[in-house]
Amino acid sequence: MLKQDNLIVQSQLEQLTEVQQWFQRFCATSGMPWVKDAYDQLNLALAEGFTNAVRHAHAELPAETPIQLELHLWMDRIEAQIWDWGDPFDPSLIQEPEPGTLSEGGYGWFLLRRLADQVEYKRDRDRNCLWIVKYARDA
């Protein structure tokens, strides 16, 4: 691992700006040229994962409930983890929206899987972790 960082914010959509600024600083100082190419997609995936944690996982929890974000930079990839305190859920039950239809919900998970190279959900004791990976294209 070349570099890592973490950030803890409250469960408020207004914190998204802080999350994205933190991510931008991390990438800007990565020293890896390929990170610039992956930045936009991973930034959007991180924003989607964070807002899902606020809107869904923490919907019934106090706004002060923390969300922990972690970034790990390797020679060939960036890994982002978003930890929340919501109830467990099974992402395999989320149905992908039909093309050309307007449905409520499901687009976030669909979008995450298109933006990242790998997306996984796991439950660790009493927390959820969304794990997002973007690989270097020239590694």
N, C-alpha and C. Protein backbone atom coordinates (compact mmCIF):
# COMPACT_ATOMS: atom_id res chain seq x y z
N MET A 1 0.84 -1.17 0.00
CA MET A 1 0.00 0.00 0.00
C MET A 1 0.89 1.24 0.00
N LEU A 2 0.57 2.17 -0.87
CA LEU A 2 1.36 3.39 -0.99
C LEU A 2 0.88 4.50 -0.07
N LYS A 3 -0.42 4.54 0.15
CA LYS A 3 -0.99 5.66 0.89
C LYS A 3 -2.37 5.26 1.38
N GLN A 4 -2.75 5.83 2.54
CA GLN A 4 -4.11 5.61 3.05
C GLN A 4 -4.54 6.82 3.85
N ASP A 5 -5.86 6.96 3.97
CA ASP A 5 -6.42 8.05 4.76
C ASP A 5 -7.82 7.66 5.16
N ASN A 6 -8.34 8.32 6.20
CA ASN A 6 -9.72 8.08 6.59
C ASN A 6 -10.35 9.39 7.02
N LEU A 7 -11.67 9.40 6.98
CA LEU A 7 -12.46 10.58 7.31
C LEU A 7 -13.72 10.10 8.00
N ILE A 8 -14.11 10.78 9.05
CA ILE A 8 -15.38 10.49 9.73
C ILE A 8 -16.23 11.74 9.67
N VAL A 9 -17.44 11.57 9.14
CA VAL A 9 -18.38 12.69 9.03
C VAL A 9 -19.73 12.27 9.59
N GLN A 10 -20.58 13.26 9.83
CA GLN A 10 -21.92 12.98 10.31
C GLN A 10 -22.82 12.56 9.14
N SER A 11 -23.95 11.98 9.47
CA SER A 11 -24.91 11.49 8.47
C SER A 11 -25.77 12.64 7.95
N GLN A 12 -25.15 13.51 7.22
CA GLN A 12 -25.84 14.66 6.65
C GLN A 12 -25.38 14.84 5.21
N LEU A 13 -26.33 15.04 4.30
CA LEU A 13 -25.98 15.21 2.90
C LEU A 13 -25.06 16.40 2.70
N GLU A 14 -25.14 17.39 3.56
CA GLU A 14 -24.28 18.56 3.46
C GLU A 14 -22.79 18.20 3.63
N GLN A 15 -22.50 17.06 4.20
CA GLN A 15 -21.13 16.61 4.39
C GLN A 15 -20.50 16.10 3.09
N LEU A 16 -21.31 15.95 2.04
CA LEU A 16 -20.79 15.44 0.77
C LEU A 16 -19.67 16.33 0.23
N THR A 17 -19.79 17.64 0.40
CA THR A 17 -18.74 18.54 -0.08
C THR A 17 -17.42 18.24 0.62
N GLU A 18 -17.47 18.03 1.94
CA GLU A 18 -16.25 17.70 2.67
C GLU A 18 -15.67 16.37 2.20
N VAL A 19 -16.53 15.39 1.96
CA VAL A 19 -16.08 14.08 1.48
C VAL A 19 -15.38 14.23 0.13
N GLN A 20 -15.97 14.99 -0.77
CA GLN A 20 -15.38 15.13 -2.10
C GLN A 20 -14.10 15.96 -2.08
N GLN A 21 -14.02 16.95 -1.22
CA GLN A 21 -12.77 17.72 -1.09
C GLN A 21 -11.65 16.85 -0.53
N TRP A 22 -11.99 16.03 0.45
CA TRP A 22 -11.02 15.09 1.04
C TRP A 22 -10.51 14.13 -0.03
N PHE A 23 -11.42 13.60 -0.83
CA PHE A 23 -11.04 12.67 -1.89
C PHE A 23 -10.17 13.37 -2.94
N GLN A 24 -10.51 14.60 -3.29
CA GLN A 24 -9.73 15.35 -4.27
C GLN A 24 -8.30 15.57 -3.78
N ARG A 25 -8.15 15.94 -2.50
CA ARG A 25 -6.81 16.13 -1.93
C ARG A 25 -6.01 14.83 -1.95
N PHE A 26 -6.67 13.75 -1.61
CA PHE A 26 -6.00 12.44 -1.61
C PHE A 26 -5.48 12.11 -3.00
N CYS A 27 -6.31 12.28 -4.00
CA CYS A 27 -5.93 11.95 -5.37
C CYS A 27 -4.86 12.91 -5.90
N ALA A 28 -4.97 14.19 -5.56
CA ALA A 28 -4.03 15.18 -6.06
C ALA A 28 -2.60 14.92 -5.56
N THR A 29 -2.49 14.28 -4.42
CA THR A 29 -1.17 14.00 -3.85
C THR A 29 -0.79 12.52 -3.97
N SER A 30 -1.46 11.81 -4.87
CA SER A 30 -1.22 10.37 -4.99
C SER A 30 0.13 10.04 -5.61
N GLY A 31 0.61 10.90 -6.49
CA GLY A 31 1.86 10.61 -7.19
C GLY A 31 1.72 9.56 -8.27
N MET A 32 0.50 9.12 -8.54
CA MET A 32 0.25 8.10 -9.55
C MET A 32 -0.51 8.74 -10.71
N PRO A 33 0.10 8.81 -11.89
CA PRO A 33 -0.54 9.48 -13.03
C PRO A 33 -1.90 8.90 -13.42
N TRP A 34 -2.09 7.60 -13.27
CA TRP A 34 -3.34 6.97 -13.68
C TRP A 34 -4.52 7.39 -12.80
N VAL A 35 -4.25 7.90 -11.62
CA VAL A 35 -5.33 8.30 -10.71
C VAL A 35 -6.16 9.42 -11.33
N LYS A 36 -5.52 10.31 -12.05
CA LYS A 36 -6.24 11.41 -12.70
C LYS A 36 -7.31 10.87 -13.65
N ASP A 37 -6.99 9.81 -14.38
CA ASP A 37 -7.94 9.22 -15.31
C ASP A 37 -9.11 8.53 -14.61
N ALA A 38 -8.87 8.00 -13.44
CA ALA A 38 -9.90 7.28 -12.69
C ALA A 38 -10.71 8.20 -11.77
N TYR A 39 -10.24 9.43 -11.59
CA TYR A 39 -10.80 10.33 -10.58
C TYR A 39 -12.31 10.56 -10.73
N ASP A 40 -12.76 10.96 -11.91
CA ASP A 40 -14.17 11.33 -12.07
C ASP A 40 -15.10 10.16 -11.74
N GLN A 41 -14.80 8.98 -12.26
CA GLN A 41 -15.67 7.84 -12.01
C GLN A 41 -15.67 7.45 -10.53
N LEU A 42 -14.50 7.44 -9.92
CA LEU A 42 -14.44 7.05 -8.52
C LEU A 42 -15.04 8.13 -7.61
N ASN A 43 -14.89 9.38 -7.97
CA ASN A 43 -15.49 10.47 -7.20
C ASN A 43 -17.02 10.34 -7.21
N LEU A 44 -17.58 10.05 -8.37
CA LEU A 44 -19.03 9.86 -8.47
C LEU A 44 -19.48 8.62 -7.70
N ALA A 45 -18.71 7.55 -7.79
CA ALA A 45 -19.05 6.33 -7.04
C ALA A 45 -18.99 6.58 -5.53
N LEU A 46 -17.98 7.30 -5.09
CA LEU A 46 -17.86 7.63 -3.67
C LEU A 46 -19.04 8.49 -3.21
N ALA A 47 -19.41 9.46 -4.02
CA ALA A 47 -20.55 10.33 -3.70
C ALA A 47 -21.84 9.51 -3.63
N GLU A 48 -22.02 8.62 -4.56
CA GLU A 48 -23.22 7.78 -4.58
C GLU A 48 -23.27 6.87 -3.35
N GLY A 49 -22.14 6.26 -3.02
CA GLY A 49 -22.09 5.40 -1.84
C GLY A 49 -22.35 6.17 -0.56
N PHE A 50 -21.78 7.35 -0.44
CA PHE A 50 -21.99 8.17 0.76
C PHE A 50 -23.45 8.60 0.87
N THR A 51 -24.02 9.11 -0.21
CA THR A 51 -25.41 9.56 -0.14
C THR A 51 -26.37 8.40 0.11
N ASN A 52 -26.05 7.20 -0.40
CA ASN A 52 -26.87 6.03 -0.08
C ASN A 52 -26.82 5.72 1.41
N ALA A 53 -25.64 5.83 2.01
CA ALA A 53 -25.52 5.57 3.45
C ALA A 53 -26.36 6.57 4.24
N VAL A 54 -26.32 7.84 3.85
CA VAL A 54 -27.10 8.86 4.56
C VAL A 54 -28.60 8.63 4.34
N ARG A 55 -29.01 8.48 3.09
CA ARG A 55 -30.44 8.41 2.75
C ARG A 55 -31.10 7.09 3.13
N HIS A 56 -30.35 6.01 3.08
CA HIS A 56 -30.96 4.70 3.30
C HIS A 56 -30.51 4.05 4.61
N ALA A 57 -29.22 3.79 4.75
CA ALA A 57 -28.73 3.09 5.94
C ALA A 57 -29.00 3.87 7.22
N HIS A 58 -28.83 5.19 7.16
CA HIS A 58 -28.98 6.02 8.36
C HIS A 58 -30.27 6.81 8.37
N ALA A 59 -31.22 6.46 7.53
CA ALA A 59 -32.48 7.22 7.42
C ALA A 59 -33.19 7.37 8.76
N GLU A 60 -33.16 6.35 9.59
CA GLU A 60 -33.87 6.39 10.88
C GLU A 60 -32.93 6.66 12.05
N LEU A 61 -31.68 6.98 11.76
CA LEU A 61 -30.69 7.23 12.81
C LEU A 61 -30.46 8.74 12.97
N PRO A 62 -29.96 9.17 14.13
CA PRO A 62 -29.68 10.60 14.32
C PRO A 62 -28.64 11.11 13.31
N ALA A 63 -28.76 12.37 12.95
CA ALA A 63 -27.85 12.99 11.98
C ALA A 63 -26.40 12.96 12.47
N GLU A 64 -26.20 12.83 13.78
CA GLU A 64 -24.85 12.79 14.35
C GLU A 64 -24.19 11.42 14.20
N THR A 65 -24.93 10.43 13.74
CA THR A 65 -24.38 9.09 13.56
C THR A 65 -23.23 9.16 12.55
N PRO A 66 -22.06 8.66 12.93
CA PRO A 66 -20.91 8.80 12.03
C PRO A 66 -20.93 7.85 10.84
N ILE A 67 -20.36 8.33 9.77
CA ILE A 67 -20.04 7.51 8.61
C ILE A 67 -18.53 7.61 8.45
N GLN A 68 -17.88 6.47 8.38
CA GLN A 68 -16.42 6.44 8.25
C GLN A 68 -16.06 6.08 6.82
N LEU A 69 -15.15 6.86 6.25
CA LEU A 69 -14.66 6.60 4.90
C LEU A 69 -13.18 6.32 4.96
N GLU A 70 -12.73 5.36 4.18
CA GLU A 70 -11.31 5.01 4.11
C GLU A 70 -10.89 4.95 2.65
N LEU A 71 -9.68 5.41 2.39
CA LEU A 71 -9.09 5.31 1.06
C LEU A 71 -7.75 4.60 1.17
N HIS A 72 -7.49 3.71 0.23
CA HIS A 72 -6.24 2.97 0.18
C HIS A 72 -5.74 3.02 -1.26
N LEU A 73 -4.53 3.52 -1.43
CA LEU A 73 -3.92 3.60 -2.76
C LEU A 73 -2.85 2.53 -2.87
N TRP A 74 -2.93 1.75 -3.93
CA TRP A 74 -1.95 0.73 -4.28
C TRP A 74 -1.36 1.11 -5.63
N MET A 75 -0.35 0.43 -6.05
CA MET A 75 0.26 0.71 -7.36
C MET A 75 -0.76 0.57 -8.49
N ASP A 76 -1.68 -0.38 -8.34
CA ASP A 76 -2.59 -0.71 -9.43
C ASP A 76 -4.07 -0.41 -9.17
N ARG A 77 -4.38 0.22 -8.02
CA ARG A 77 -5.80 0.44 -7.72
C ARG A 77 -5.98 1.44 -6.57
N ILE A 78 -7.20 1.96 -6.50
CA ILE A 78 -7.66 2.72 -5.33
C ILE A 78 -8.84 1.95 -4.76
N GLU A 79 -8.83 1.79 -3.46
CA GLU A 79 -9.94 1.16 -2.76
C GLU A 79 -10.58 2.20 -1.85
N ALA A 80 -11.90 2.28 -1.90
CA ALA A 80 -12.65 3.15 -1.00
C ALA A 80 -13.59 2.28 -0.18
N GLN A 81 -13.66 2.55 1.09
CA GLN A 81 -14.60 1.85 1.97
C GLN A 81 -15.48 2.88 2.66
N ILE A 82 -16.77 2.60 2.68
CA ILE A 82 -17.74 3.46 3.36
C ILE A 82 -18.41 2.60 4.42
N TRP A 83 -18.20 2.98 5.68
CA TRP A 83 -18.73 2.23 6.82
C TRP A 83 -19.92 2.97 7.42
N ASP A 84 -21.04 2.26 7.60
CA ASP A 84 -22.21 2.87 8.23
C ASP A 84 -22.78 1.94 9.30
N TRP A 85 -23.70 2.49 10.08
CA TRP A 85 -24.29 1.77 11.22
C TRP A 85 -25.72 1.32 10.95
N GLY A 86 -26.13 1.31 9.70
CA GLY A 86 -27.49 0.92 9.35
C GLY A 86 -27.73 -0.57 9.51
N ASP A 87 -28.98 -0.95 9.32
CA ASP A 87 -29.33 -2.37 9.35
C ASP A 87 -28.68 -3.08 8.17
N PRO A 88 -28.42 -4.37 8.31
CA PRO A 88 -27.85 -5.12 7.19
C PRO A 88 -28.85 -5.16 6.02
N PHE A 89 -28.33 -5.30 4.83
CA PHE A 89 -29.21 -5.46 3.67
C PHE A 89 -28.54 -6.38 2.66
N ASP A 90 -29.34 -6.89 1.76
CA ASP A 90 -28.84 -7.83 0.75
C ASP A 90 -28.91 -7.15 -0.61
N PRO A 91 -27.77 -6.69 -1.14
CA PRO A 91 -27.80 -5.99 -2.42
C PRO A 91 -28.27 -6.85 -3.59
N SER A 92 -28.22 -8.17 -3.43
CA SER A 92 -28.69 -9.03 -4.52
C SER A 92 -30.20 -8.93 -4.70
N LEU A 93 -30.91 -8.38 -3.72
CA LEU A 93 -32.35 -8.20 -3.83
C LEU A 93 -32.74 -6.93 -4.58
N ILE A 94 -31.77 -6.07 -4.84
CA ILE A 94 -32.05 -4.83 -5.57
C ILE A 94 -32.15 -5.18 -7.06
N GLN A 95 -33.32 -4.92 -7.63
CA GLN A 95 -33.52 -5.22 -9.04
C GLN A 95 -33.00 -4.06 -9.89
N GLU A 96 -32.28 -4.42 -10.92
CA GLU A 96 -31.75 -3.42 -11.83
C GLU A 96 -32.91 -2.81 -12.62
N PRO A 97 -32.93 -1.49 -12.72
CA PRO A 97 -34.02 -0.84 -13.47
C PRO A 97 -34.01 -1.27 -14.93
N GLU A 98 -35.19 -1.40 -15.50
CA GLU A 98 -35.31 -1.73 -16.92
C GLU A 98 -34.94 -0.50 -17.75
N PRO A 99 -34.15 -0.70 -18.79
CA PRO A 99 -33.80 0.44 -19.66
C PRO A 99 -35.06 1.11 -20.21
N GLY A 100 -35.06 2.43 -20.19
CA GLY A 100 -36.18 3.19 -20.74
C GLY A 100 -37.37 3.33 -19.82
N THR A 101 -37.27 2.81 -18.59
CA THR A 101 -38.38 2.95 -17.65
C THR A 101 -37.98 3.89 -16.53
N LEU A 102 -38.97 4.50 -15.96
CA LEU A 102 -38.74 5.36 -14.80
C LEU A 102 -39.21 4.61 -13.57
N SER A 103 -38.26 4.17 -12.78
CA SER A 103 -38.61 3.50 -11.54
C SER A 103 -37.94 4.22 -10.40
N GLU A 104 -38.52 4.08 -9.24
CA GLU A 104 -37.94 4.72 -8.06
C GLU A 104 -37.03 3.74 -7.36
N GLY A 105 -35.78 4.11 -7.21
CA GLY A 105 -34.83 3.26 -6.50
C GLY A 105 -34.10 2.31 -7.42
N GLY A 106 -32.96 1.84 -6.92
CA GLY A 106 -32.17 0.86 -7.65
C GLY A 106 -31.11 1.44 -8.55
N TYR A 107 -31.23 2.70 -8.89
CA TYR A 107 -30.26 3.30 -9.80
C TYR A 107 -28.89 3.48 -9.15
N GLY A 108 -28.85 3.75 -7.87
CA GLY A 108 -27.58 3.96 -7.17
C GLY A 108 -26.68 2.74 -7.23
N TRP A 109 -27.23 1.59 -6.91
CA TRP A 109 -26.45 0.35 -6.94
C TRP A 109 -26.03 0.03 -8.37
N PHE A 110 -26.94 0.24 -9.31
CA PHE A 110 -26.67 0.05 -10.73
C PHE A 110 -25.52 0.96 -11.17
N LEU A 111 -25.59 2.23 -10.79
CA LEU A 111 -24.56 3.20 -11.16
C LEU A 111 -23.21 2.84 -10.54
N LEU A 112 -23.21 2.48 -9.27
CA LEU A 112 -21.96 2.10 -8.59
C LEU A 112 -21.25 0.97 -9.34
N ARG A 113 -22.01 -0.03 -9.73
CA ARG A 113 -21.41 -1.18 -10.40
C ARG A 113 -20.87 -0.83 -11.79
N ARG A 114 -21.41 0.22 -12.40
CA ARG A 114 -20.92 0.66 -13.71
C ARG A 114 -19.69 1.56 -13.60
N LEU A 115 -19.60 2.33 -12.53
CA LEU A 115 -18.51 3.28 -12.35
C LEU A 115 -17.23 2.63 -11.83
N ALA A 116 -17.39 1.63 -10.98
CA ALA A 116 -16.23 0.99 -10.34
C ALA A 116 -15.93 -0.34 -11.02
N ASP A 117 -14.74 -0.82 -10.80
CA ASP A 117 -14.36 -2.13 -11.33
C ASP A 117 -14.81 -3.26 -10.42
N GLN A 118 -14.99 -2.94 -9.16
CA GLN A 118 -15.42 -3.94 -8.18
C GLN A 118 -16.20 -3.22 -7.09
N VAL A 119 -17.36 -3.77 -6.75
CA VAL A 119 -18.18 -3.23 -5.66
C VAL A 119 -18.67 -4.41 -4.84
N GLU A 120 -18.43 -4.33 -3.54
CA GLU A 120 -18.89 -5.39 -2.65
C GLU A 120 -19.48 -4.79 -1.40
N TYR A 121 -20.41 -5.51 -0.82
CA TYR A 121 -21.02 -5.13 0.44
C TYR A 121 -20.70 -6.23 1.45
N LYS A 122 -20.35 -5.82 2.66
CA LYS A 122 -20.16 -6.83 3.70
C LYS A 122 -20.67 -6.26 5.03
N ARG A 123 -21.01 -7.16 5.90
CA ARG A 123 -21.42 -6.80 7.25
C ARG A 123 -20.30 -7.23 8.17
N ASP A 124 -19.81 -6.32 8.99
CA ASP A 124 -18.75 -6.64 9.94
C ASP A 124 -19.24 -6.26 11.33
N ARG A 125 -19.56 -7.26 12.09
CA ARG A 125 -20.15 -7.08 13.41
C ARG A 125 -21.43 -6.25 13.31
N ASP A 126 -21.39 -5.00 13.72
CA ASP A 126 -22.61 -4.19 13.72
C ASP A 126 -22.55 -3.04 12.72
N ARG A 127 -21.65 -3.16 11.72
CA ARG A 127 -21.55 -2.11 10.71
C ARG A 127 -21.59 -2.71 9.30
N ASN A 128 -22.01 -1.88 8.37
CA ASN A 128 -21.99 -2.23 6.96
C ASN A 128 -20.75 -1.60 6.32
N CYS A 129 -20.20 -2.27 5.35
CA CYS A 129 -19.08 -1.70 4.59
C CYS A 129 -19.38 -1.85 3.10
N LEU A 130 -19.33 -0.72 2.41
CA LEU A 130 -19.39 -0.72 0.96
C LEU A 130 -17.96 -0.56 0.49
N TRP A 131 -17.48 -1.51 -0.28
CA TRP A 131 -16.10 -1.55 -0.75
C TRP A 131 -16.11 -1.31 -2.25
N ILE A 132 -15.43 -0.24 -2.67
CA ILE A 132 -15.41 0.19 -4.07
C ILE A 132 -13.96 0.18 -4.55
N VAL A 133 -13.71 -0.45 -5.68
CA VAL A 133 -12.35 -0.55 -6.21
C VAL A 133 -12.32 -0.06 -7.66
N LYS A 134 -11.31 0.76 -7.95
CA LYS A 134 -11.05 1.20 -9.32
C LYS A 134 -9.60 0.85 -9.64
N TYR A 135 -9.39 0.09 -10.72
CA TYR A 135 -8.05 -0.34 -11.11
C TYR A 135 -7.42 0.61 -12.12
N ALA A 136 -6.11 0.70 -12.07
CA ALA A 136 -5.36 1.47 -13.05
C ALA A 136 -5.50 0.79 -14.40
N ARG A 137 -5.63 1.56 -15.43
CA ARG A 137 -5.76 0.99 -16.77
C ARG A 137 -4.41 0.67 -17.38
N ASP A 138 -3.34 1.27 -16.85
CA ASP A 138 -2.01 1.04 -17.42
C ASP A 138 -1.10 0.26 -16.49
N ALA A 139 -1.67 -0.33 -15.44
CA ALA A 139 -0.84 -1.06 -14.47
C ALA A 139 -0.59 -2.48 -14.94
